[in-house]
Amino acid sequence: MRGWWLRVHRWLALSVGLLLALIGLSGALLELKGPILRWEVGSQALDLAPVEHGALLDDAQWISAALGAYPQFQKVFGAAKPRQGFLESDNAIVFGALEDRPGIGIAMIDPYSAEPRAFFVFDDLWLAKLVALHRALLLPPPIGAVALFACGLVLLGSVGSGLYLWWPGRRSWWKAASLRPGSQGLRRLREWHNVAAAWLCLPLAVIAGSGAWLARPDWFFANPAAIKPLFSAAHGHLLLGLPGAALAFLCGLALPLLYLTGLLLWWRKRVRHVRPTVQGNCS
């Protein structure tokens, strides 16, 4: 039985491991979307003007100000209040279609005075490329969503099979989830692989399951909008706020680590098995 699970674990990783590593790395970087956005568009777009502020204006006033200031808009889709959208900003966000090219235009509007603060095309940002990689593997959305759903299921299967292979049984759980003093080479590599997976298996499973659901929520519910925020929170910060976001960041970094260490373990074992065969044929 163990040999069968080992083959399942190995071929899940070899077939989809690189995609999972890219999804994990892009997800980890998206946990830092605030600093990345600030680096790309500048502080003025995100920070309030350093003046006294009155009452908060409404969406219609922000949209009117954006249309008046930025003729690049062909059509406005909507507006988001400060700190209430994917793009974190102290300013209000107005977004819509562009007049002369595909893409989403973003106008940053002072939420109190309706003063225009900045305009940029979201699709031109590196942040947008990260989002496209993480949400659809840079594929057309319908195809990418199905591929991402499949990757989520594969990650769940990989976590489950890896947990079965690692399970210490009657042995010390602490020793099984720790690096042994003095170990080196292939043994140390296997320990790094096992320890990282053992400590992060539960949050990885939550992230994988919620990510699969978010890829195709319409497959589970006719109207998934009501519970989508719950799954988004589970995927982004494990329903634990800032500590959960830090843990999700570690999980994202762990996926490339697990892929590379697993690939090296497989390759070293393969080379070891091939070498005696080659020597035997030569003799």
C-alpha atoms as a PDB file:
ATOM      1  CA  MET A   1       0.000   0.000   0.000  1.00  0.00           C
ATOM      2  CA  ARG A   2       2.810   2.415   0.868  1.00  0.00           C
ATOM      3  CA  GLY A   3       4.464   1.802  -2.515  1.00  0.00           C
ATOM      4  CA  TRP A   4       1.208   2.648  -4.296  1.00  0.00           C
ATOM      5  CA  TRP A   5       0.806   5.911  -2.359  1.00  0.00           C
ATOM      6  CA  LEU A   6       4.438   6.777  -3.080  1.00  0.00           C
ATOM      7  CA  ARG A   7       3.818   6.372  -6.815  1.00  0.00           C
ATOM      8  CA  VAL A   8       0.660   8.497  -6.587  1.00  0.00           C
ATOM      9  CA  HIS A   9       2.518  11.226  -4.677  1.00  0.00           C
ATOM     10  CA  ARG A  10       5.466  11.152  -7.065  1.00  0.00           C
ATOM     11  CA  TRP A  11       3.467  11.356 -10.283  1.00  0.00           C
ATOM     12  CA  LEU A  12       1.125  14.033  -9.005  1.00  0.00           C
ATOM     13  CA  ALA A  13       4.201  16.146  -8.278  1.00  0.00           C
ATOM     14  CA  LEU A  14       5.996  15.346 -11.535  1.00  0.00           C
ATOM     15  CA  SER A  15       2.940  16.069 -13.675  1.00  0.00           C
ATOM     16  CA  VAL A  16       1.639  19.283 -12.083  1.00  0.00           C
ATOM     17  CA  GLY A  17       4.343  20.239  -9.569  1.00  0.00           C
ATOM     18  CA  LEU A  18       5.812  23.063 -11.645  1.00  0.00           C
ATOM     19  CA  LEU A  19       2.389  24.674 -12.079  1.00  0.00           C
ATOM     20  CA  LEU A  20       1.732  24.354  -8.336  1.00  0.00           C
ATOM     21  CA  ALA A  21       5.107  25.963  -7.624  1.00  0.00           C
ATOM     22  CA  LEU A  22       4.238  28.923  -9.884  1.00  0.00           C
ATOM     23  CA  ILE A  23       0.775  29.252  -8.351  1.00  0.00           C
ATOM     24  CA  GLY A  24       2.281  29.172  -4.859  1.00  0.00           C
ATOM     25  CA  LEU A  25       4.983  31.717  -5.634  1.00  0.00           C
ATOM     26  CA  SER A  26       2.538  34.105  -7.312  1.00  0.00           C
ATOM     27  CA  GLY A  27       0.155  33.675  -4.368  1.00  0.00           C
ATOM     28  CA  ALA A  28       2.926  34.521  -1.914  1.00  0.00           C
ATOM     29  CA  LEU A  29       3.747  37.671  -3.888  1.00  0.00           C
ATOM     30  CA  LEU A  30       0.071  38.653  -3.967  1.00  0.00           C
ATOM     31  CA  GLU A  31       0.126  38.692  -0.164  1.00  0.00           C
ATOM     32  CA  LEU A  32       2.466  41.659  -0.727  1.00  0.00           C
ATOM     33  CA  LYS A  33       0.180  43.358  -3.255  1.00  0.00           C
ATOM     34  CA  GLY A  34       0.065  46.571  -1.192  1.00  0.00           C
ATOM     35  CA  PRO A  35       3.822  47.270  -1.367  1.00  0.00           C
ATOM     36  CA  ILE A  36       3.964  46.064  -4.992  1.00  0.00           C
ATOM     37  CA  LEU A  37       1.142  48.431  -6.000  1.00  0.00           C
ATOM     38  CA  ARG A  38       2.797  51.345  -4.185  1.00  0.00           C
ATOM     39  CA  TRP A  39       6.068  50.615  -5.992  1.00  0.00           C
ATOM     40  CA  GLU A  40       4.295  50.561  -9.369  1.00  0.00           C
ATOM     41  CA  VAL A  41       1.897  53.523  -9.169  1.00  0.00           C
ATOM     42  CA  GLY A  42       3.467  55.738  -6.490  1.00  0.00           C
ATOM     43  CA  SER A  43       2.305  57.066  -3.139  1.00  0.00           C
ATOM     44  CA  GLN A  44       0.151  59.895  -4.518  1.00  0.00           C
ATOM     45  CA  ALA A  45      -2.227  57.412  -6.128  1.00  0.00           C
ATOM     46  CA  LEU A  46      -2.777  55.594  -2.843  1.00  0.00           C
ATOM     47  CA  ASP A  47      -2.464  58.230  -0.108  1.00  0.00           C
ATOM     48  CA  LEU A  48      -4.869  61.035   0.753  1.00  0.00           C
ATOM     49  CA  ALA A  49      -3.871  64.601   0.010  1.00  0.00           C
ATOM     50  CA  PRO A  50      -2.311  66.194   3.130  1.00  0.00           C
ATOM     51  CA  VAL A  51      -5.210  68.588   3.810  1.00  0.00           C
ATOM     52  CA  GLU A  52      -8.195  68.708   6.139  1.00  0.00           C
ATOM     53  CA  HIS A  53     -11.062  66.460   5.086  1.00  0.00           C
ATOM     54  CA  GLY A  54     -14.796  66.973   5.324  1.00  0.00           C
ATOM     55  CA  ALA A  55     -17.603  64.493   4.804  1.00  0.00           C
ATOM     56  CA  LEU A  56     -17.164  61.401   2.648  1.00  0.00           C
ATOM     57  CA  LEU A  57     -18.709  61.889  -0.808  1.00  0.00           C
ATOM     58  CA  ASP A  58     -20.776  59.237  -2.579  1.00  0.00           C
ATOM     59  CA  ASP A  59     -20.049  56.954  -5.532  1.00  0.00           C
ATOM     60  CA  ALA A  60     -21.857  59.166  -8.061  1.00  0.00           C
ATOM     61  CA  GLN A  61     -19.635  62.145  -7.213  1.00  0.00           C
ATOM     62  CA  TRP A  62     -16.456  60.067  -7.515  1.00  0.00           C
ATOM     63  CA  ILE A  63     -17.578  58.661 -10.876  1.00  0.00           C
ATOM     64  CA  SER A  64     -18.497  62.117 -12.167  1.00  0.00           C
ATOM     65  CA  ALA A  65     -15.080  63.455 -11.130  1.00  0.00           C
ATOM     66  CA  ALA A  66     -13.288  60.534 -12.794  1.00  0.00           C
ATOM     67  CA  LEU A  67     -15.194  60.941 -16.074  1.00  0.00           C
ATOM     68  CA  GLY A  68     -14.489  64.671 -16.083  1.00  0.00           C
ATOM     69  CA  ALA A  69     -10.782  64.286 -15.380  1.00  0.00           C
ATOM     70  CA  TYR A  70      -9.917  61.220 -17.430  1.00  0.00           C
ATOM     71  CA  PRO A  71     -11.273  61.042 -21.003  1.00  0.00           C
ATOM     72  CA  GLN A  72      -9.555  57.647 -21.326  1.00  0.00           C
ATOM     73  CA  PHE A  73     -12.734  56.077 -19.904  1.00  0.00           C
ATOM     74  CA  GLN A  74     -15.238  54.711 -22.390  1.00  0.00           C
ATOM     75  CA  LYS A  75     -17.537  53.353 -19.705  1.00  0.00           C
ATOM     76  CA  VAL A  76     -17.352  53.217 -15.918  1.00  0.00           C
ATOM     77  CA  PHE A  77     -18.207  49.901 -14.282  1.00  0.00           C
ATOM     78  CA  GLY A  78     -18.309  51.089 -10.695  1.00  0.00           C
ATOM     79  CA  ALA A  79     -16.495  52.558  -7.713  1.00  0.00           C
ATOM     80  CA  ALA A  80     -14.997  51.224  -4.500  1.00  0.00           C
ATOM     81  CA  LYS A  81     -14.778  53.016  -1.182  1.00  0.00           C
ATOM     82  CA  PRO A  82     -11.366  53.557   0.414  1.00  0.00           C
ATOM     83  CA  ARG A  83      -9.812  50.299   1.670  1.00  0.00           C
ATOM     84  CA  GLN A  84     -12.704  48.259   0.276  1.00  0.00           C
ATOM     85  CA  GLY A  85     -11.355  46.707  -2.884  1.00  0.00           C
ATOM     86  CA  PHE A  86      -8.645  44.445  -4.196  1.00  0.00           C
ATOM     87  CA  LEU A  87      -6.402  47.503  -4.602  1.00  0.00           C
ATOM     88  CA  GLU A  88      -5.771  48.893  -1.130  1.00  0.00           C
ATOM     89  CA  SER A  89      -5.897  52.691  -1.126  1.00  0.00           C
ATOM     90  CA  ASP A  90      -6.974  55.585   1.093  1.00  0.00           C
ATOM     91  CA  ASN A  91      -8.520  57.108  -2.036  1.00  0.00           C
ATOM     92  CA  ALA A  92     -11.734  56.028  -3.734  1.00  0.00           C
ATOM     93  CA  ILE A  93     -11.297  53.833  -6.804  1.00  0.00           C
ATOM     94  CA  VAL A  94     -13.286  54.267 -10.025  1.00  0.00           C
ATOM     95  CA  PHE A  95     -12.803  51.567 -12.647  1.00  0.00           C
ATOM     96  CA  GLY A  96     -14.043  50.981 -16.161  1.00  0.00           C
ATOM     97  CA  ALA A  97     -13.391  50.166 -19.826  1.00  0.00           C
ATOM     98  CA  LEU A  98     -10.928  52.216 -21.869  1.00  0.00           C
ATOM     99  CA  GLU A  99     -11.787  54.309 -24.912  1.00  0.00           C
ATOM    100  CA  ASP A 100      -8.999  53.266 -27.272  1.00  0.00           C
ATOM    101  CA  ARG A 101      -7.684  49.869 -26.113  1.00  0.00           C
ATOM    102  CA  PRO A 102      -8.585  46.741 -24.156  1.00  0.00           C
ATOM    103  CA  GLY A 103      -8.001  46.780 -20.425  1.00  0.00           C
ATOM    104  CA  ILE A 104      -9.333  48.208 -17.198  1.00  0.00           C
ATOM    105  CA  GLY A 105      -8.709  51.853 -16.384  1.00  0.00           C
ATOM    106  CA  ILE A 106      -8.327  52.812 -12.725  1.00  0.00           C
ATOM    107  CA  ALA A 107      -8.902  56.358 -11.451  1.00  0.00           C
ATOM    108  CA  MET A 108      -7.900  57.279  -7.915  1.00  0.00           C
ATOM    109  CA  ILE A 109     -10.200  59.993  -6.544  1.00  0.00           C
ATOM    110  CA  ASP A 110      -9.969  61.843  -3.233  1.00  0.00           C
ATOM    111  CA  PRO A 111     -13.025  60.485  -1.372  1.00  0.00           C
ATOM    112  CA  TYR A 112     -13.688  63.799   0.414  1.00  0.00           C
ATOM    113  CA  SER A 113     -13.038  66.462  -2.242  1.00  0.00           C
ATOM    114  CA  ALA A 114     -13.441  64.356  -5.448  1.00  0.00           C
ATOM    115  CA  GLU A 115     -10.064  65.695  -6.568  1.00  0.00           C
ATOM    116  CA  PRO A 116      -8.446  63.389  -9.170  1.00  0.00           C
ATOM    117  CA  ARG A 117      -5.291  61.831  -7.723  1.00  0.00           C
ATOM    118  CA  ALA A 118      -4.033  59.410 -10.403  1.00  0.00           C
ATOM    119  CA  PHE A 119      -4.962  57.267 -13.375  1.00  0.00           C
ATOM    120  CA  PHE A 120      -3.404  54.014 -14.602  1.00  0.00           C
ATOM    121  CA  VAL A 121      -4.281  50.941 -16.643  1.00  0.00           C
ATOM    122  CA  PHE A 122      -4.430  47.916 -14.376  1.00  0.00           C
ATOM    123  CA  ASP A 123      -3.475  45.491 -17.168  1.00  0.00           C
ATOM    124  CA  ASP A 124      -0.131  47.293 -17.613  1.00  0.00           C
ATOM    125  CA  LEU A 125       0.981  46.575 -14.044  1.00  0.00           C
ATOM    126  CA  TRP A 126       3.226  43.701 -12.984  1.00  0.00           C
ATOM    127  CA  LEU A 127       0.622  43.143 -10.288  1.00  0.00           C
ATOM    128  CA  ALA A 128      -1.921  42.353 -13.015  1.00  0.00           C
ATOM    129  CA  LYS A 129       0.448  39.756 -14.485  1.00  0.00           C
ATOM    130  CA  LEU A 130       0.735  38.119 -11.059  1.00  0.00           C
ATOM    131  CA  VAL A 131      -3.052  38.055 -10.734  1.00  0.00           C
ATOM    132  CA  ALA A 132      -3.432  36.536 -14.212  1.00  0.00           C
ATOM    133  CA  LEU A 133      -0.855  33.858 -13.390  1.00  0.00           C
ATOM    134  CA  HIS A 134      -2.377  33.024 -10.028  1.00  0.00           C
ATOM    135  CA  ARG A 135      -6.027  33.045 -11.125  1.00  0.00           C
ATOM    136  CA  ALA A 136      -5.797  31.555 -14.622  1.00  0.00           C
ATOM    137  CA  LEU A 137      -2.182  30.466 -15.295  1.00  0.00           C
ATOM    138  CA  LEU A 138      -2.012  33.216 -17.982  1.00  0.00           C
ATOM    139  CA  LEU A 139      -4.591  31.252 -19.989  1.00  0.00           C
ATOM    140  CA  PRO A 140      -7.948  32.522 -21.292  1.00  0.00           C
ATOM    141  CA  PRO A 141     -10.175  32.759 -18.183  1.00  0.00           C
ATOM    142  CA  PRO A 142     -12.580  29.854 -18.957  1.00  0.00           C
ATOM    143  CA  ILE A 143      -9.701  27.451 -19.676  1.00  0.00           C
ATOM    144  CA  GLY A 144      -7.510  28.828 -16.894  1.00  0.00           C
ATOM    145  CA  ALA A 145     -10.275  28.464 -14.315  1.00  0.00           C
ATOM    146  CA  VAL A 146     -10.717  24.765 -15.128  1.00  0.00           C
ATOM    147  CA  ALA A 147      -6.941  24.215 -15.064  1.00  0.00           C
ATOM    148  CA  LEU A 148      -6.713  26.003 -11.729  1.00  0.00           C
ATOM    149  CA  PHE A 149      -9.538  23.896 -10.309  1.00  0.00           C
ATOM    150  CA  ALA A 150      -7.667  20.749 -11.386  1.00  0.00           C
ATOM    151  CA  CYS A 151      -4.451  22.067  -9.807  1.00  0.00           C
ATOM    152  CA  GLY A 152      -6.293  22.643  -6.526  1.00  0.00           C
ATOM    153  CA  LEU A 153      -7.503  19.040  -6.520  1.00  0.00           C
ATOM    154  CA  VAL A 154      -4.008  17.774  -7.358  1.00  0.00           C
ATOM    155  CA  LEU A 155      -2.558  19.795  -4.478  1.00  0.00           C
ATOM    156  CA  LEU A 156      -5.139  18.299  -2.116  1.00  0.00           C
ATOM    157  CA  GLY A 157      -4.184  14.835  -3.366  1.00  0.00           C
ATOM    158  CA  SER A 158      -0.496  15.600  -2.990  1.00  0.00           C
ATOM    159  CA  VAL A 159      -0.955  16.894   0.565  1.00  0.00           C
ATOM    160  CA  GLY A 160      -3.033  13.839   1.492  1.00  0.00           C
ATOM    161  CA  SER A 161      -0.657  11.286  -0.030  1.00  0.00           C
ATOM    162  CA  GLY A 162       2.377  13.069   1.418  1.00  0.00           C
ATOM    163  CA  LEU A 163       0.780  13.114   4.864  1.00  0.00           C
ATOM    164  CA  TYR A 164       0.120   9.370   4.629  1.00  0.00           C
ATOM    165  CA  LEU A 165       3.747   8.696   3.645  1.00  0.00           C
ATOM    166  CA  TRP A 166       5.092  10.906   6.449  1.00  0.00           C
ATOM    167  CA  TRP A 167       2.696   9.697   9.180  1.00  0.00           C
ATOM    168  CA  PRO A 168       4.925   8.631  12.125  1.00  0.00           C
ATOM    169  CA  GLY A 169       2.497   6.133  13.665  1.00  0.00           C
ATOM    170  CA  ARG A 170       3.885   5.092  17.049  1.00  0.00           C
ATOM    171  CA  ARG A 171       7.127   6.958  16.568  1.00  0.00           C
ATOM    172  CA  SER A 172       7.735  10.386  18.090  1.00  0.00           C
ATOM    173  CA  TRP A 173       5.735  13.038  16.257  1.00  0.00           C
ATOM    174  CA  TRP A 174       8.183  15.727  17.318  1.00  0.00           C
ATOM    175  CA  LYS A 175      11.159  13.843  15.875  1.00  0.00           C
ATOM    176  CA  ALA A 176       9.266  13.119  12.668  1.00  0.00           C
ATOM    177  CA  ALA A 177       8.527  16.849  12.244  1.00  0.00           C
ATOM    178  CA  SER A 178      12.059  18.031  13.087  1.00  0.00           C
ATOM    179  CA  LEU A 179      15.441  18.124  11.369  1.00  0.00           C
ATOM    180  CA  ARG A 180      17.779  15.526  12.848  1.00  0.00           C
ATOM    181  CA  PRO A 181      21.178  16.744  14.093  1.00  0.00           C
ATOM    182  CA  GLY A 182      24.060  15.604  11.923  1.00  0.00           C
ATOM    183  CA  SER A 183      22.022  14.457   8.932  1.00  0.00           C
ATOM    184  CA  GLN A 184      23.284  15.586   5.537  1.00  0.00           C
ATOM    185  CA  GLY A 185      23.056  14.963   1.831  1.00  0.00           C
ATOM    186  CA  LEU A 186      20.016  13.084   0.594  1.00  0.00           C
ATOM    187  CA  ARG A 187      18.753  12.441   4.122  1.00  0.00           C
ATOM    188  CA  ARG A 188      18.831  16.165   4.969  1.00  0.00           C
ATOM    189  CA  LEU A 189      17.048  16.982   1.705  1.00  0.00           C
ATOM    190  CA  ARG A 190      14.291  14.483   2.522  1.00  0.00           C
ATOM    191  CA  GLU A 191      13.974  15.935   6.029  1.00  0.00           C
ATOM    192  CA  TRP A 192      13.526  19.463   4.663  1.00  0.00           C
ATOM    193  CA  HIS A 193      10.826  18.179   2.319  1.00  0.00           C
ATOM    194  CA  ASN A 194       9.015  16.251   5.050  1.00  0.00           C
ATOM    195  CA  VAL A 195       9.306  18.893   7.772  1.00  0.00           C
ATOM    196  CA  ALA A 196       8.042  21.759   5.584  1.00  0.00           C
ATOM    197  CA  ALA A 197       5.078  19.665   4.443  1.00  0.00           C
ATOM    198  CA  ALA A 198       4.274  18.341   7.925  1.00  0.00           C
ATOM    199  CA  TRP A 199       4.097  21.776   9.532  1.00  0.00           C
ATOM    200  CA  LEU A 200       2.125  23.354   6.692  1.00  0.00           C
ATOM    201  CA  CYS A 201      -0.138  20.480   5.589  1.00  0.00           C
ATOM    202  CA  LEU A 202      -3.300  21.838   7.239  1.00  0.00           C
ATOM    203  CA  PRO A 203      -3.082  25.429   5.918  1.00  0.00           C
ATOM    204  CA  LEU A 204      -1.994  24.067   2.527  1.00  0.00           C
ATOM    205  CA  ALA A 205      -5.106  21.884   2.418  1.00  0.00           C
ATOM    206  CA  VAL A 206      -7.343  24.849   3.314  1.00  0.00           C
ATOM    207  CA  ILE A 207      -5.703  27.031   0.659  1.00  0.00           C
ATOM    208  CA  ALA A 208      -5.909  24.271  -1.968  1.00  0.00           C
ATOM    209  CA  GLY A 209      -9.562  23.480  -1.270  1.00  0.00           C
ATOM    210  CA  SER A 210     -10.685  27.107  -1.134  1.00  0.00           C
ATOM    211  CA  GLY A 211      -8.631  27.912  -4.246  1.00  0.00           C
ATOM    212  CA  ALA A 212     -10.291  25.101  -6.190  1.00  0.00           C
ATOM    213  CA  TRP A 213     -13.714  26.364  -5.117  1.00  0.00           C
ATOM    214  CA  LEU A 214     -12.869  29.959  -6.062  1.00  0.00           C
ATOM    215  CA  ALA A 215     -11.716  28.819  -9.505  1.00  0.00           C
ATOM    216  CA  ARG A 216     -15.177  27.474 -10.363  1.00  0.00           C
ATOM    217  CA  PRO A 217     -17.716  28.404  -7.664  1.00  0.00           C
ATOM    218  CA  ASP A 218     -20.543  28.088 -10.187  1.00  0.00           C
ATOM    219  CA  TRP A 219     -19.985  24.326 -10.238  1.00  0.00           C
ATOM    220  CA  PHE A 220     -21.087  24.118  -6.602  1.00  0.00           C
ATOM    221  CA  PHE A 221     -23.750  26.829  -6.187  1.00  0.00           C
ATOM    222  CA  ALA A 222     -26.133  28.570  -8.559  1.00  0.00           C
ATOM    223  CA  ASN A 223     -25.506  31.877  -6.752  1.00  0.00           C
ATOM    224  CA  PRO A 224     -22.119  31.666  -4.999  1.00  0.00           C
ATOM    225  CA  ALA A 225     -21.781  35.417  -4.329  1.00  0.00           C
ATOM    226  CA  ALA A 226     -23.168  35.124  -0.791  1.00  0.00           C
ATOM    227  CA  ILE A 227     -20.424  32.799   0.445  1.00  0.00           C
ATOM    228  CA  LYS A 228     -17.593  33.837  -1.868  1.00  0.00           C
ATOM    229  CA  PRO A 229     -16.160  36.309   0.716  1.00  0.00           C
ATOM    230  CA  LEU A 230     -15.806  33.427   3.189  1.00  0.00           C
ATOM    231  CA  PHE A 231     -13.817  31.315   0.721  1.00  0.00           C
ATOM    232  CA  SER A 232     -11.745  34.330  -0.337  1.00  0.00           C
ATOM    233  CA  ALA A 233     -10.850  35.007   3.294  1.00  0.00           C
ATOM    234  CA  ALA A 234      -9.987  31.340   3.859  1.00  0.00           C
ATOM    235  CA  HIS A 235      -7.776  31.363   0.777  1.00  0.00           C
ATOM    236  CA  GLY A 236      -6.093  34.706   1.440  1.00  0.00           C
ATOM    237  CA  HIS A 237      -5.521  34.631   5.195  1.00  0.00           C
ATOM    238  CA  LEU A 238      -7.043  31.375   6.522  1.00  0.00           C
ATOM    239  CA  LEU A 239      -9.714  33.413   8.391  1.00  0.00           C
ATOM    240  CA  LEU A 240      -6.964  34.492  10.810  1.00  0.00           C
ATOM    241  CA  GLY A 241      -6.310  38.081   9.731  1.00  0.00           C
ATOM    242  CA  LEU A 242      -2.699  39.263   9.547  1.00  0.00           C
ATOM    243  CA  PRO A 243      -1.179  36.122  11.179  1.00  0.00           C
ATOM    244  CA  GLY A 244      -3.091  34.012   8.661  1.00  0.00           C
ATOM    245  CA  ALA A 245      -1.806  36.140   5.776  1.00  0.00           C
ATOM    246  CA  ALA A 246       1.755  35.554   7.011  1.00  0.00           C
ATOM    247  CA  LEU A 247       1.064  31.811   7.184  1.00  0.00           C
ATOM    248  CA  ALA A 248      -0.452  31.853   3.676  1.00  0.00           C
ATOM    249  CA  PHE A 249       2.683  33.668   2.471  1.00  0.00           C
ATOM    250  CA  LEU A 250       4.832  30.869   3.930  1.00  0.00           C
ATOM    251  CA  CYS A 251       2.622  28.250   2.273  1.00  0.00           C
ATOM    252  CA  GLY A 252       3.079  29.982  -1.073  1.00  0.00           C
ATOM    253  CA  LEU A 253       6.857  29.940  -0.677  1.00  0.00           C
ATOM    254  CA  ALA A 254       6.738  26.324   0.511  1.00  0.00           C
ATOM    255  CA  LEU A 255       5.249  25.034  -2.756  1.00  0.00           C
ATOM    256  CA  PRO A 256       8.358  25.818  -4.879  1.00  0.00           C
ATOM    257  CA  LEU A 257      10.530  24.446  -2.042  1.00  0.00           C
ATOM    258  CA  LEU A 258       8.522  21.213  -1.890  1.00  0.00           C
ATOM    259  CA  TYR A 259       8.593  20.881  -5.674  1.00  0.00           C
ATOM    260  CA  LEU A 260      12.360  21.401  -5.951  1.00  0.00           C
ATOM    261  CA  THR A 261      13.274  19.150  -3.019  1.00  0.00           C
ATOM    262  CA  GLY A 262      10.882  16.450  -4.244  1.00  0.00           C
ATOM    263  CA  LEU A 263      12.290  16.703  -7.771  1.00  0.00           C
ATOM    264  CA  LEU A 264      15.854  16.396  -6.463  1.00  0.00           C
ATOM    265  CA  LEU A 265      14.927  13.389  -4.330  1.00  0.00           C
ATOM    266  CA  TRP A 266      13.321  11.698  -7.329  1.00  0.00           C
ATOM    267  CA  TRP A 267      16.267  12.502  -9.600  1.00  0.00           C
ATOM    268  CA  ARG A 268      18.919  11.322  -7.129  1.00  0.00           C
ATOM    269  CA  LYS A 269      17.041   8.069  -6.598  1.00  0.00           C
ATOM    270  CA  ARG A 270      16.643   7.587 -10.357  1.00  0.00           C
ATOM    271  CA  VAL A 271      20.356   8.179 -10.992  1.00  0.00           C
ATOM    272  CA  ARG A 272      21.247   5.718  -8.229  1.00  0.00           C
ATOM    273  CA  HIS A 273      19.070   3.027  -9.828  1.00  0.00           C
ATOM    274  CA  VAL A 274      20.295   3.679 -13.382  1.00  0.00           C
ATOM    275  CA  ARG A 275      24.020   3.692 -12.531  1.00  0.00           C
ATOM    276  CA  PRO A 276      24.313   0.011 -11.435  1.00  0.00           C
ATOM    277  CA  THR A 277      22.354  -1.033 -14.554  1.00  0.00           C
ATOM    278  CA  VAL A 278      24.731   0.881 -16.830  1.00  0.00           C
ATOM    279  CA  GLN A 279      27.776  -0.570 -15.063  1.00  0.00           C
ATOM    280  CA  GLY A 280      26.337  -4.087 -15.398  1.00  0.00           C
ATOM    281  CA  ASN A 281      25.777  -3.655 -19.133  1.00  0.00           C
ATOM    282  CA  CYS A 282      29.323  -2.368 -19.633  1.00  0.00           C
ATOM    283  CA  SER A 283      30.837  -5.390 -17.902  1.00  0.00           C
END
